[in-house]
Amino acid sequence: MEKNLNKVVVIDAVRTPFGRAGEKGIFWKTRADDLIVGLLKALMERNPRITPDMIEDNIWGVTNQVKEQGGTIGRVVSMLAGWGYGIPGCSIDRMCAGGLTAIGFGTAYIASGMADCLIAGGVEHMGHLPMGFMRDPHPRAEEVMGGPSAFNMGMTAENIHERFPEFTREMADRYAAQCQAKADRAIKSGKMKEMIIPIEVELADGTVTVVDRDQPPRPDTTVEGLRGLKTPFRENGNVTAGNASGLNDGATAVILMSEARARELGVRPLMRWVATAVAAVDPTVMGIAPVPATQKALKKAGLAMEEMDIVELNEAFAVQALYCLDRLGLKWDDPRVNKWGGSIAYGHPLAASGPRLVAFLAGLFKENPVAKYGLSTMCVGRGQGYSMIWENLLRK
C-alpha cells in the first residue's frame, strides 16, 4: 500500500548548560542519565498539551555506550523521569553526530507513519567516559582508515592544515576569536535563557547549586592570546586548545511531531524538516565531510546554498569550519553562519552537539522571522558528515 510522507516538525528544543569535562567541570558529580531526566521533565512542563503517554519513542545519540551511558539509556531515562513503563527508547551511535542522527531517524519514523510524536536527543559525559574509553579497534582498522591519525581528531585537523595550506594558523585563530566574541554577545543578551534548563548539581567541593550557564566560553579570548598557545597534536603545528572545541559534558533534547498531529493538539511548531543527508570521506580528514553531506541534502531538497538564510555548522576545529565554509561558497565571517557562536566557545559534548545545532536554529528562526531555510551540519569522527535542512514556520 502506497503512503505519502508525513510532514515533520520541531515543537521544542532544550538543553543543559554545557560543562567542562573533568574534576573542575560543573557535572563532575552528576550522571549522564540524570542530565537527560531534567530535560524530559522540562519538555513536558513547557508543552502542557503534550503528555508522556503521547511519546512513541525516545531516541538518544550516545557515543560511548558503556557504564552510565550504556544499558539502552533511551529506554531507562523515561522511567527515571517518572513516566512509567509505557515509553519505548533506544540508543544509537554515529560518534559526534549521534544526536543529530537520532533526530534524523526520528524524522524518518514520523515521515513514514511509524510514529506521530517522539523525543530525540544526544548526551555525552566526557568527564566520566572520555573519547575512546574501553574501545577495542579491529587489528586492521588503522590500515583501512588511512593511518593512526584517523583515530585522533586533533591530528585529522592538522591533516587538513597540511593538505590545504591556504587555511593558516592565523586564520584559524581569527575564526576562533570571532566565535568567542559572538557567543559572548549572545549570552549577555539572553539568547541562551530560553533553551537552557537549569540543573541542580553537586560540585567537587560538595556544594549543591543550580547551574544555568555554559561553563566553556572564554569571552576574554583574543587573537594575540591564541597566538601563544601550544600545538599539542603536532610539533610546530596549527591546532591548539583555543582554535578547537573542548572536552565537555551535556545533553540536548528535541520534541518531533507530525505536522498534522501538532495541528490537532493546537501546538504551534517551530520549524519543518526538509531534507537529510549523510556522506563519507577519508577518515584522516574527517572534518571536510559536511561539504558532501550538505551538497547531497541541498540536492534532495531542490535548494541551493544561497537559499540557506541561517547556517549552524558544528565547529569541531576552526580549520575544518574554514574549509567547509570555503567549499560551500561562504566567506569565513558570513553573517548567516553561527550567529550566536559555535562549539569552539560552547563546547562539543559529542552526541549532544547535533541537537544543540537544531536548538540554536530554532531560536534563530524565531529571532529572524524573514528567514525561510536553515542548515544544521557537522563532521563526524571516522570520516562522516551529517546535514539537515529545515524550514522556518515562524516566518512572517
Foldseek 3Di string as FASTA:
>chain_A
DDDFFFWKFFQAKAKAAKWAAAQQTQCLVPFFLQRVLLVVVVVCVVPVLDDLLQAAEFEEEEADQDDSNHDFSSQVSCVVNVNDNRHYYGYDYQWLARQVVQVVVVSVCRRVPVHFKHKTKYWFRCNVANPPRPDDDDPCPQVVLPHDLLSPVLQLLLVLCVVPVVCALLNLLVLLLVLLQLQVVCVVVPLNQVRHRWDWGQHSVRDTDIDGHHDQRDNVRDSVVSVPFARVPDHVTRFGLRQFFHAIGMMMMIMMGGPVVCVVSVRQGFWIWQFKFKDFDRSSNQLQAQQVRVVVRCVSRVHAPVLAQAEEEAPRGSSSLCNNCVSSPHHSVRCRYPSNGHRSGSGRSRNRRQSVSVNVVSSVCLVPQQRFKHKYKYTTRSGMIMMTMITGPSHD
